[in-house]
C-alpha atoms as a PDB file:
ATOM      1  CA  UNK A   1       6.544 -18.994  10.015  1.00  0.00           C
ATOM      2  CA  UNK A   2       2.921 -17.571   9.822  1.00  0.00           C
ATOM      3  CA  UNK A   3       3.378 -14.365   8.003  1.00  0.00           C
ATOM      4  CA  UNK A   4       1.117 -11.597   7.313  1.00  0.00           C
ATOM      5  CA  UNK A   5       2.348  -9.673   4.232  1.00  0.00           C
ATOM      6  CA  UNK A   6       1.535  -6.005   3.672  1.00  0.00           C
ATOM      7  CA  UNK A   7       2.575  -4.416   0.446  1.00  0.00           C
ATOM      8  CA  UNK A   8       0.980  -2.694  -2.926  1.00  0.00           C
ATOM      9  CA  UNK A   9       3.103  -1.900  -5.741  1.00  0.00           C
ATOM     10  CA  UNK A  10       5.430  -3.665  -8.088  1.00  0.00           C
ATOM     11  CA  UNK A  11       8.487  -3.125  -5.826  1.00  0.00           C
ATOM     12  CA  UNK A  12       6.502  -5.654  -3.249  1.00  0.00           C
ATOM     13  CA  UNK A  13       5.655  -8.198  -5.490  1.00  0.00           C
ATOM     14  CA  UNK A  14       9.388 -10.187  -5.461  1.00  0.00           C
ATOM     15  CA  UNK A  15       9.035 -10.145  -1.681  1.00  0.00           C
ATOM     16  CA  UNK A  16       5.784 -11.973  -1.603  1.00  0.00           C
ATOM     17  CA  UNK A  17       6.963 -14.205  -4.074  1.00  0.00           C
ATOM     18  CA  UNK A  18      10.274 -15.123  -2.237  1.00  0.00           C
ATOM     19  CA  UNK A  19       8.367 -15.751   1.007  1.00  0.00           C
ATOM     20  CA  UNK A  20       6.177 -18.448  -0.530  1.00  0.00           C
ATOM     21  CA  UNK A  21       8.834 -20.047  -2.360  1.00  0.00           C
ATOM     22  CA  UNK A  22      11.039 -20.234   1.262  1.00  0.00           C
ATOM     23  CA  UNK A  23       8.183 -22.376   2.461  1.00  0.00           C
ATOM     24  CA  UNK A  24       6.554 -19.622   4.633  1.00  0.00           C
ATOM     25  CA  UNK A  25       2.767 -19.488   5.240  1.00  0.00           C
ATOM     26  CA  UNK A  26       1.586 -16.434   4.090  1.00  0.00           C
ATOM     27  CA  UNK A  27      -2.198 -16.111   6.089  1.00  0.00           C
ATOM     28  CA  UNK A  28      -3.202 -12.916   4.479  1.00  0.00           C
ATOM     29  CA  UNK A  29      -2.009 -10.159   2.138  1.00  0.00           C
ATOM     30  CA  UNK A  30      -3.054  -6.471   3.205  1.00  0.00           C
ATOM     31  CA  UNK A  31      -3.114  -3.906   0.249  1.00  0.00           C
ATOM     32  CA  UNK A  32      -4.164  -0.748  -0.700  1.00  0.00           C
ATOM     33  CA  UNK A  33      -7.556  -0.831  -2.024  1.00  0.00           C
ATOM     34  CA  UNK A  34      -8.279  -1.086  -5.699  1.00  0.00           C
ATOM     35  CA  UNK A  35      -7.799   2.023  -7.882  1.00  0.00           C
ATOM     36  CA  UNK A  36     -10.398   2.916 -10.457  1.00  0.00           C
ATOM     37  CA  UNK A  37      -8.746   3.544 -14.058  1.00  0.00           C
ATOM     38  CA  UNK A  38      -9.404   3.262 -17.869  1.00  0.00           C
ATOM     39  CA  UNK A  39     -12.539   4.608 -19.653  1.00  0.00           C
ATOM     40  CA  UNK A  40     -14.966   2.702 -17.797  1.00  0.00           C
ATOM     41  CA  UNK A  41     -13.419   3.456 -14.591  1.00  0.00           C
ATOM     42  CA  UNK A  42     -13.249  -0.237 -13.554  1.00  0.00           C
ATOM     43  CA  UNK A  43     -11.671  -1.225 -10.154  1.00  0.00           C
ATOM     44  CA  UNK A  44      -8.303  -2.360 -10.667  1.00  0.00           C
ATOM     45  CA  UNK A  45      -6.368  -4.193  -7.894  1.00  0.00           C
ATOM     46  CA  UNK A  46      -2.900  -3.237  -6.815  1.00  0.00           C
ATOM     47  CA  UNK A  47      -0.061  -5.518  -8.376  1.00  0.00           C
ATOM     48  CA  UNK A  48       0.231  -7.155  -4.997  1.00  0.00           C
ATOM     49  CA  UNK A  49      -3.545  -7.776  -4.869  1.00  0.00           C
ATOM     50  CA  UNK A  50      -3.394  -9.219  -8.205  1.00  0.00           C
ATOM     51  CA  UNK A  51      -0.573 -11.590  -7.475  1.00  0.00           C
ATOM     52  CA  UNK A  52      -2.145 -12.649  -3.975  1.00  0.00           C
ATOM     53  CA  UNK A  53      -5.017 -13.668  -5.985  1.00  0.00           C
ATOM     54  CA  UNK A  54      -3.052 -15.504  -8.504  1.00  0.00           C
ATOM     55  CA  UNK A  55      -1.545 -17.286  -5.584  1.00  0.00           C
ATOM     56  CA  UNK A  56      -4.685 -18.091  -3.720  1.00  0.00           C
ATOM     57  CA  UNK A  57      -3.957 -16.132  -0.768  1.00  0.00           C
ATOM     58  CA  UNK A  58      -6.659 -13.917   0.953  1.00  0.00           C
ATOM     59  CA  UNK A  59      -6.425 -10.356   0.311  1.00  0.00           C
ATOM     60  CA  UNK A  60      -7.660  -7.546   2.677  1.00  0.00           C
ATOM     61  CA  UNK A  61      -7.804  -3.831   1.639  1.00  0.00           C
ATOM     62  CA  UNK A  62      -8.989  -1.760   4.535  1.00  0.00           C
ATOM     63  CA  UNK A  63      -8.798   1.922   3.928  1.00  0.00           C
ATOM     64  CA  UNK A  64      -7.402   2.510   7.533  1.00  0.00           C
ATOM     65  CA  UNK A  65      -6.071   0.358  10.634  1.00  0.00           C
ATOM     66  CA  UNK A  66      -6.692   2.630  13.079  1.00  0.00           C
ATOM     67  CA  UNK A  67     -10.066   1.307  13.900  1.00  0.00           C
ATOM     68  CA  UNK A  68     -10.403  -1.286  16.826  1.00  0.00           C
ATOM     69  CA  UNK A  69     -12.297  -3.824  14.542  1.00  0.00           C
ATOM     70  CA  UNK A  70      -9.562  -3.763  12.043  1.00  0.00           C
ATOM     71  CA  UNK A  71      -6.983  -4.078  14.424  1.00  0.00           C
ATOM     72  CA  UNK A  72      -8.753  -7.048  16.135  1.00  0.00           C
ATOM     73  CA  UNK A  73      -8.866  -8.517  12.781  1.00  0.00           C
ATOM     74  CA  UNK A  74      -5.138  -8.236  12.380  1.00  0.00           C
ATOM     75  CA  UNK A  75      -4.609  -9.408  15.678  1.00  0.00           C
ATOM     76  CA  UNK A  76      -6.868 -12.542  15.171  1.00  0.00           C
ATOM     77  CA  UNK A  77      -4.413 -13.907  12.601  1.00  0.00           C
ATOM     78  CA  UNK A  78      -1.768 -14.802  15.060  1.00  0.00           C
ATOM     79  CA  UNK A  79       1.187 -14.103  12.948  1.00  0.00           C
ATOM     80  CA  UNK A  80       4.628 -14.916  13.825  1.00  0.00           C
ATOM     81  CA  UNK A  81       5.814 -11.587  11.817  1.00  0.00           C
ATOM     82  CA  UNK A  82       4.248  -9.001   9.408  1.00  0.00           C
ATOM     83  CA  UNK A  83       6.256  -8.324   6.694  1.00  0.00           C
ATOM     84  CA  UNK A  84       5.838  -4.892   5.030  1.00  0.00           C
ATOM     85  CA  UNK A  85       7.115  -3.634   1.882  1.00  0.00           C
ATOM     86  CA  UNK A  86       5.839  -0.368   0.361  1.00  0.00           C
ATOM     87  CA  UNK A  87       2.512  -0.707   1.759  1.00  0.00           C
ATOM     88  CA  UNK A  88       1.379   2.999   1.919  1.00  0.00           C
ATOM     89  CA  UNK A  89      -0.735   3.132   5.155  1.00  0.00           C
ATOM     90  CA  UNK A  90       0.600   4.035   8.491  1.00  0.00           C
ATOM     91  CA  UNK A  91       0.562   1.055  11.091  1.00  0.00           C
ATOM     92  CA  UNK A  92      -0.760   2.097  14.603  1.00  0.00           C
ATOM     93  CA  UNK A  93       0.921   0.814  17.666  1.00  0.00           C
ATOM     94  CA  UNK A  94      -1.357  -2.132  18.122  1.00  0.00           C
ATOM     95  CA  UNK A  95      -0.671  -3.533  14.746  1.00  0.00           C
ATOM     96  CA  UNK A  96       2.906  -3.181  15.187  1.00  0.00           C
ATOM     97  CA  UNK A  97       2.895  -5.041  18.380  1.00  0.00           C
ATOM     98  CA  UNK A  98       0.239  -7.814  17.169  1.00  0.00           C
ATOM     99  CA  UNK A  99       2.843 -10.097  15.723  1.00  0.00           C
ATOM    100  CA  UNK A 100       5.302 -12.028  17.683  1.00  0.00           C
ATOM    101  CA  UNK A 101       8.206 -10.934  16.273  1.00  0.00           C
ATOM    102  CA  UNK A 102       6.728  -7.602  15.366  1.00  0.00           C
ATOM    103  CA  UNK A 103       6.330  -6.036  11.769  1.00  0.00           C
ATOM    104  CA  UNK A 104       9.615  -6.031   9.296  1.00  0.00           C
ATOM    105  CA  UNK A 105       9.936  -3.492   6.685  1.00  0.00           C
ATOM    106  CA  UNK A 106      11.645  -3.759   3.105  1.00  0.00           C
ATOM    107  CA  UNK A 107      12.969  -0.371   2.523  1.00  0.00           C
ATOM    108  CA  UNK A 108      14.672   0.956  -0.869  1.00  0.00           C
ATOM    109  CA  UNK A 109      17.832   2.710   0.750  1.00  0.00           C
ATOM    110  CA  UNK A 110      20.712   2.392   3.065  1.00  0.00           C
ATOM    111  CA  UNK A 111      19.080   3.712   6.322  1.00  0.00           C
ATOM    112  CA  UNK A 112      19.135   6.147   7.808  1.00  0.00           C
ATOM    113  CA  UNK A 113      19.709   7.880   4.181  1.00  0.00           C
ATOM    114  CA  UNK A 114      16.830   8.439   2.187  1.00  0.00           C
ATOM    115  CA  UNK A 115      13.915   7.793   4.650  1.00  0.00           C
ATOM    116  CA  UNK A 116      10.428   8.579   3.088  1.00  0.00           C
ATOM    117  CA  UNK A 117       8.514   8.148  -0.014  1.00  0.00           C
ATOM    118  CA  UNK A 118      10.865   7.986  -2.759  1.00  0.00           C
ATOM    119  CA  UNK A 119      14.296   6.876  -1.793  1.00  0.00           C
ATOM    120  CA  UNK A 120      15.208   5.390  -5.196  1.00  0.00           C
ATOM    121  CA  UNK A 121      14.637   8.717  -6.755  1.00  0.00           C
ATOM    122  CA  UNK A 122      16.274  10.951  -4.566  1.00  0.00           C
ATOM    123  CA  UNK A 123      19.336   8.804  -4.367  1.00  0.00           C
ATOM    124  CA  UNK A 124      20.066   9.253  -8.103  1.00  0.00           C
ATOM    125  CA  UNK A 125      18.975  12.896  -7.946  1.00  0.00           C
ATOM    126  CA  UNK A 126      21.335  13.372  -5.384  1.00  0.00           C
ATOM    127  CA  UNK A 127      24.273  11.660  -7.123  1.00  0.00           C
ATOM    128  CA  UNK A 128      24.854   9.013  -4.565  1.00  0.00           C
ATOM    129  CA  UNK A 129      27.335   6.320  -5.714  1.00  0.00           C
ATOM    130  CA  UNK A 130      25.449   3.668  -3.963  1.00  0.00           C
ATOM    131  CA  UNK A 131      22.241   2.726  -2.457  1.00  0.00           C
ATOM    132  CA  UNK A 132      20.479  -0.877  -1.333  1.00  0.00           C
ATOM    133  CA  UNK A 133      17.935  -2.114   0.659  1.00  0.00           C
ATOM    134  CA  UNK A 134      17.560  -2.204   4.628  1.00  0.00           C
ATOM    135  CA  UNK A 135      15.451  -4.512   6.594  1.00  0.00           C
ATOM    136  CA  UNK A 136      14.267  -2.656   9.888  1.00  0.00           C
ATOM    137  CA  UNK A 137      12.141  -3.416  12.726  1.00  0.00           C
ATOM    138  CA  UNK A 138       9.105  -0.917  12.291  1.00  0.00           C
ATOM    139  CA  UNK A 139       7.922   1.748  14.933  1.00  0.00           C
ATOM    140  CA  UNK A 140       5.673   4.614  14.606  1.00  0.00           C
ATOM    141  CA  UNK A 141       8.235   7.184  13.246  1.00  0.00           C
ATOM    142  CA  UNK A 142       8.899   7.333   9.648  1.00  0.00           C
ATOM    143  CA  UNK A 143      11.554   4.916   8.682  1.00  0.00           C
ATOM    144  CA  UNK A 144      13.273   5.144  11.887  1.00  0.00           C
ATOM    145  CA  UNK A 145      13.031   1.762  13.211  1.00  0.00           C
ATOM    146  CA  UNK A 146      16.115  -0.256  14.075  1.00  0.00           C
ATOM    147  CA  UNK A 147      18.007  -1.937  11.271  1.00  0.00           C
ATOM    148  CA  UNK A 148      18.499  -5.710  11.127  1.00  0.00           C
ATOM    149  CA  UNK A 149      20.129  -6.312   7.830  1.00  0.00           C
ATOM    150  CA  UNK A 150      21.575  -4.132   4.669  1.00  0.00           C
ATOM    151  CA  UNK A 151      22.830  -5.077   1.248  1.00  0.00           C
ATOM    152  CA  UNK A 152      24.443  -2.258  -0.893  1.00  0.00           C
ATOM    153  CA  UNK A 153      24.503  -1.872  -4.852  1.00  0.00           C
ATOM    154  CA  UNK A 154      26.268   0.556  -6.954  1.00  0.00           C
ATOM    155  CA  UNK A 155      23.957   3.088  -8.823  1.00  0.00           C
ATOM    156  CA  UNK A 156      26.105   3.714 -11.901  1.00  0.00           C
ATOM    157  CA  UNK A 157      24.106   4.991 -14.641  1.00  0.00           C
ATOM    158  CA  UNK A 158      21.054   3.418 -13.739  1.00  0.00           C
ATOM    159  CA  UNK A 159      17.500   4.866 -14.097  1.00  0.00           C
ATOM    160  CA  UNK A 160      15.027   4.822 -11.342  1.00  0.00           C
ATOM    161  CA  UNK A 161      13.193   2.131 -13.310  1.00  0.00           C
ATOM    162  CA  UNK A 162      16.126  -0.152 -13.351  1.00  0.00           C
ATOM    163  CA  UNK A 163      17.204   0.452  -9.938  1.00  0.00           C
ATOM    164  CA  UNK A 164      13.650  -0.044  -8.801  1.00  0.00           C
ATOM    165  CA  UNK A 165      13.767  -3.765 -10.307  1.00  0.00           C
ATOM    166  CA  UNK A 166      16.909  -4.425  -8.849  1.00  0.00           C
ATOM    167  CA  UNK A 167      16.518  -3.335  -5.398  1.00  0.00           C
ATOM    168  CA  UNK A 168      12.873  -5.117  -5.235  1.00  0.00           C
ATOM    169  CA  UNK A 169      14.820  -8.601  -5.996  1.00  0.00           C
ATOM    170  CA  UNK A 170      17.748  -7.630  -3.424  1.00  0.00           C
ATOM    171  CA  UNK A 171      14.943  -6.684  -0.893  1.00  0.00           C
ATOM    172  CA  UNK A 172      13.085  -9.871  -1.450  1.00  0.00           C
ATOM    173  CA  UNK A 173      16.227 -12.309  -0.945  1.00  0.00           C
ATOM    174  CA  UNK A 174      17.447 -10.150   2.117  1.00  0.00           C
ATOM    175  CA  UNK A 175      14.242 -10.467   3.806  1.00  0.00           C
ATOM    176  CA  UNK A 176      14.118 -14.157   3.192  1.00  0.00           C
ATOM    177  CA  UNK A 177      17.932 -14.168   4.690  1.00  0.00           C
ATOM    178  CA  UNK A 178      16.713 -11.973   7.752  1.00  0.00           C
ATOM    179  CA  UNK A 179      13.593 -14.319   8.895  1.00  0.00           C
ATOM    180  CA  UNK A 180      15.745 -17.344   8.596  1.00  0.00           C
ATOM    181  CA  UNK A 181      18.539 -15.644  10.994  1.00  0.00           C
ATOM    182  CA  UNK A 182      15.731 -13.465  13.011  1.00  0.00           C
ATOM    183  CA  UNK A 183      16.436 -15.373  16.609  1.00  0.00           C
ATOM    184  CA  UNK A 184      19.981 -14.251  16.430  1.00  0.00           C
ATOM    185  CA  UNK A 185      19.900 -11.003  14.841  1.00  0.00           C
ATOM    186  CA  UNK A 186      20.807  -7.925  16.594  1.00  0.00           C
ATOM    187  CA  UNK A 187      18.762  -4.747  16.040  1.00  0.00           C
ATOM    188  CA  UNK A 188      21.254  -1.812  15.476  1.00  0.00           C
ATOM    189  CA  UNK A 189      19.603   1.640  16.162  1.00  0.00           C
ATOM    190  CA  UNK A 190      19.605   4.433  13.226  1.00  0.00           C
ATOM    191  CA  UNK A 191      21.942   7.472  13.677  1.00  0.00           C
ATOM    192  CA  UNK A 192      18.971  10.022  13.406  1.00  0.00           C
ATOM    193  CA  UNK A 193      22.184  12.869  12.668  1.00  0.00           C
ATOM    194  CA  UNK A 194      22.785  10.978   9.468  1.00  0.00           C
ATOM    195  CA  UNK A 195      19.160  10.997   8.282  1.00  0.00           C
ATOM    196  CA  UNK A 196      18.050  12.318   5.264  1.00  0.00           C
ATOM    197  CA  UNK A 197      14.563  12.537   3.821  1.00  0.00           C
ATOM    198  CA  UNK A 198      13.037  11.507   0.161  1.00  0.00           C
ATOM    199  CA  UNK A 199       9.907  13.319  -0.289  1.00  0.00           C
ATOM    200  CA  UNK A 200       7.317  12.042  -2.435  1.00  0.00           C
ATOM    201  CA  UNK A 201       8.037  13.234  -6.310  1.00  0.00           C
ATOM    202  CA  UNK A 202       5.775  16.496  -7.125  1.00  0.00           C
ATOM    203  CA  UNK A 203       5.175  16.259 -10.993  1.00  0.00           C
ATOM    204  CA  UNK A 204       6.194  20.117 -11.136  1.00  0.00           C
ATOM    205  CA  UNK A 205       9.669  18.923 -10.325  1.00  0.00           C
ATOM    206  CA  UNK A 206       9.802  17.058 -13.801  1.00  0.00           C
ATOM    207  CA  UNK A 207      10.232  20.313 -16.023  1.00  0.00           C
ATOM    208  CA  UNK A 208      13.739  20.525 -17.072  1.00  0.00           C
ATOM    209  CA  UNK A 209      15.390  24.081 -15.992  1.00  0.00           C
ATOM    210  CA  UNK A 210      18.272  23.996 -18.615  1.00  0.00           C
ATOM    211  CA  UNK A 211      19.883  26.844 -16.627  1.00  0.00           C
ATOM    212  CA  UNK A 212      21.165  24.458 -14.398  1.00  0.00           C
ATOM    213  CA  UNK A 213      24.513  22.354 -14.913  1.00  0.00           C
ATOM    214  CA  UNK A 214      24.251  19.530 -17.324  1.00  0.00           C
ATOM    215  CA  UNK A 215      25.532  16.751 -15.046  1.00  0.00           C
ATOM    216  CA  UNK A 216      22.393  18.059 -12.454  1.00  0.00           C
ATOM    217  CA  UNK A 217      20.210  17.519 -15.037  1.00  0.00           C
ATOM    218  CA  UNK A 218      21.356  14.342 -16.435  1.00  0.00           C
ATOM    219  CA  UNK A 219      20.772  12.878 -13.019  1.00  0.00           C
ATOM    220  CA  UNK A 220      17.428  14.321 -12.873  1.00  0.00           C
ATOM    221  CA  UNK A 221      16.672  12.615 -16.205  1.00  0.00           C
ATOM    222  CA  UNK A 222      17.510   9.426 -14.532  1.00  0.00           C
ATOM    223  CA  UNK A 223      15.881   9.903 -11.434  1.00  0.00           C
ATOM    224  CA  UNK A 224      12.636  10.802 -12.971  1.00  0.00           C
ATOM    225  CA  UNK A 225      12.664   8.146 -15.582  1.00  0.00           C
ATOM    226  CA  UNK A 226      10.211   6.455 -16.182  1.00  0.00           C
ATOM    227  CA  UNK A 227       7.916   8.249 -14.046  1.00  0.00           C
ATOM    228  CA  UNK A 228       7.044  11.007 -13.970  1.00  0.00           C
ATOM    229  CA  UNK A 229       9.609  11.731 -16.936  1.00  0.00           C
ATOM    230  CA  UNK A 230      11.513  15.039 -17.001  1.00  0.00           C
ATOM    231  CA  UNK A 231      10.367  16.928 -19.704  1.00  0.00           C
ATOM    232  CA  UNK A 232      10.612  20.442 -21.767  1.00  0.00           C
ATOM    233  CA  UNK A 233       8.625  21.839 -24.672  1.00  0.00           C
ATOM    234  CA  UNK A 234       9.868  22.717 -28.329  1.00  0.00           C
ATOM    235  CA  UNK A 235       7.622  24.581 -30.392  1.00  0.00           C
ATOM    236  CA  UNK A 236       4.706  24.030 -28.154  1.00  0.00           C
ATOM    237  CA  UNK A 237       4.955  20.225 -27.801  1.00  0.00           C
ATOM    238  CA  UNK A 238       6.146  18.523 -24.795  1.00  0.00           C
ATOM    239  CA  UNK A 239       8.984  15.980 -24.998  1.00  0.00           C
ATOM    240  CA  UNK A 240       9.963  13.488 -22.373  1.00  0.00           C
ATOM    241  CA  UNK A 241      13.551  13.102 -21.749  1.00  0.00           C
ATOM    242  CA  UNK A 242      14.124   9.498 -20.469  1.00  0.00           C
ATOM    243  CA  UNK A 243      17.814   9.284 -20.583  1.00  0.00           C
ATOM    244  CA  UNK A 244      20.660  11.566 -21.888  1.00  0.00           C
ATOM    245  CA  UNK A 245      24.252  12.348 -21.665  1.00  0.00           C
ATOM    246  CA  UNK A 246      26.529  15.144 -20.963  1.00  0.00           C
ATOM    247  CA  UNK A 247      28.191  17.072 -23.898  1.00  0.00           C
ATOM    248  CA  UNK A 248      31.297  19.449 -23.763  1.00  0.00           C
ATOM    249  CA  UNK A 249      29.738  22.195 -25.445  1.00  0.00           C
ATOM    250  CA  UNK A 250      28.671  25.509 -24.585  1.00  0.00           C
ATOM    251  CA  UNK A 251      25.775  28.055 -25.639  1.00  0.00           C
ATOM    252  CA  UNK A 252      22.660  29.822 -24.340  1.00  0.00           C
ATOM    253  CA  UNK A 253      20.757  27.575 -22.027  1.00  0.00           C
ATOM    254  CA  UNK A 254      17.820  26.215 -23.514  1.00  0.00           C
ATOM    255  CA  UNK A 255      19.222  26.629 -27.099  1.00  0.00           C
ATOM    256  CA  UNK A 256      19.718  23.638 -29.529  1.00  0.00           C
ATOM    257  CA  UNK A 257      23.372  23.516 -30.636  1.00  0.00           C
ATOM    258  CA  UNK A 258      23.591  21.292 -33.411  1.00  0.00           C
ATOM    259  CA  UNK A 259      21.532  18.470 -35.701  1.00  0.00           C
ATOM    260  CA  UNK A 260      22.078  15.849 -32.795  1.00  0.00           C
ATOM    261  CA  UNK A 261      19.494  17.879 -30.657  1.00  0.00           C
ATOM    262  CA  UNK A 262      22.475  18.865 -28.036  1.00  0.00           C
ATOM    263  CA  UNK A 263      20.852  21.403 -25.742  1.00  0.00           C
ATOM    264  CA  UNK A 264      23.020  23.905 -23.869  1.00  0.00           C
ATOM    265  CA  UNK A 265      22.949  24.152 -20.204  1.00  0.00           C
ATOM    266  CA  UNK A 266      23.991  26.394 -17.558  1.00  0.00           C
ATOM    267  CA  UNK A 267      27.264  24.427 -17.692  1.00  0.00           C
ATOM    268  CA  UNK A 268      27.927  22.210 -20.603  1.00  0.00           C
ATOM    269  CA  UNK A 269      25.133  20.652 -22.429  1.00  0.00           C
ATOM    270  CA  UNK A 270      22.906  17.870 -22.616  1.00  0.00           C
ATOM    271  CA  UNK A 271      22.055  15.221 -25.660  1.00  0.00           C
ATOM    272  CA  UNK A 272      19.088  13.131 -25.755  1.00  0.00           C
ATOM    273  CA  UNK A 273      19.530   9.419 -25.996  1.00  0.00           C
ATOM    274  CA  UNK A 274      16.062   8.184 -25.254  1.00  0.00           C
ATOM    275  CA  UNK A 275      12.944  10.404 -25.794  1.00  0.00           C
ATOM    276  CA  UNK A 276       9.248  10.624 -26.106  1.00  0.00           C
ATOM    277  CA  UNK A 277       6.343  12.715 -27.720  1.00  0.00           C
ATOM    278  CA  UNK A 278       3.222  13.373 -25.885  1.00  0.00           C
ATOM    279  CA  UNK A 279       1.045  10.243 -27.261  1.00  0.00           C
ATOM    280  CA  UNK A 280       4.087   8.420 -28.884  1.00  0.00           C
ATOM    281  CA  UNK A 281       5.954   5.575 -27.940  1.00  0.00           C
ATOM    282  CA  UNK A 282       9.549   6.040 -26.411  1.00  0.00           C
ATOM    283  CA  UNK A 283      12.175   5.942 -28.840  1.00  0.00           C
ATOM    284  CA  UNK A 284      16.210   6.548 -29.669  1.00  0.00           C
ATOM    285  CA  UNK A 285      17.408   9.745 -30.526  1.00  0.00           C
ATOM    286  CA  UNK A 286      18.035   8.640 -34.070  1.00  0.00           C
ATOM    287  CA  UNK A 287      14.413   7.265 -34.526  1.00  0.00           C
ATOM    288  CA  UNK A 288      13.214  10.595 -33.050  1.00  0.00           C
ATOM    289  CA  UNK A 289      15.162  12.678 -35.442  1.00  0.00           C
ATOM    290  CA  UNK A 290      13.968  10.831 -38.388  1.00  0.00           C
ATOM    291  CA  UNK A 291      10.498  12.141 -37.992  1.00  0.00           C
ATOM    292  CA  UNK A 292      11.543  15.189 -36.140  1.00  0.00           C
ATOM    293  CA  UNK A 293      14.595  16.713 -37.489  1.00  0.00           C
ATOM    294  CA  UNK A 294      16.881  18.950 -35.081  1.00  0.00           C
ATOM    295  CA  UNK A 295      16.255  22.573 -35.373  1.00  0.00           C
ATOM    296  CA  UNK A 296      19.836  24.355 -34.865  1.00  0.00           C
ATOM    297  CA  UNK A 297      19.053  27.562 -32.813  1.00  0.00           C
ATOM    298  CA  UNK A 298      15.688  26.527 -31.612  1.00  0.00           C
ATOM    299  CA  UNK A 299      14.744  27.652 -28.082  1.00  0.00           C
ATOM    300  CA  UNK A 300      13.280  25.049 -25.701  1.00  0.00           C
ATOM    301  CA  UNK A 301      10.599  26.167 -22.773  1.00  0.00           C
END
């Protein structure tokens, strides 16, 4: 098939790879414009942009698709289908209608649960037992289009980083399956009554509130690991908590209970497993305590 691929972050790269490995012709890649980063503020292409350049595929990065010229250039590619994975721009109706089979999206949740920008984070934070990926036909609404295929996976004790990588690969394979079966697939409308929304992560959410129950905080730690990273302050220093375990211990919320750095919560307690001081690499609790002995009775903020 002649495919336009539209994606930006690392999550989308496996799908681009899978399309080409399956023998499809990717006639162009659309990605967000390069960002400026580093000391020299040099332009840095998105992960999808960089991968497309390695593959020798034309890359386009308009700041908007609302203009008639951009829409005409998109339609002129005469694609059979557009495959979209975390692209980051709204697609106007003219773009949605241009490919012969429309635009198909790889979404990182089991729709209609967790429509929106941060489905992986929110599924972990909410304590869902499982999540997955959905292939849907796109329409103007936010992740509201009819569904073509789904694949599920247990969340268990995974972090967002771990689940992100798993779902990226799962979605890539499922999209290839969907394209192969496209003529026979029956699109299933979403039940809007079951929809939940996954708003973008605000960095302010990542500060740990130890008055909450420990099991809630443990989910927050996994949900925000590795980005933006749950954190607290101790002796004026910010410490990121990247993984933790719930401990059956009680005490005043926010107070360190023992020399294993167990911190009391509103219900039970939380013990770090992996953590990070500002400007330092992430490390295990044992490595951390060698340079930062636990202070029983110290109060976090």
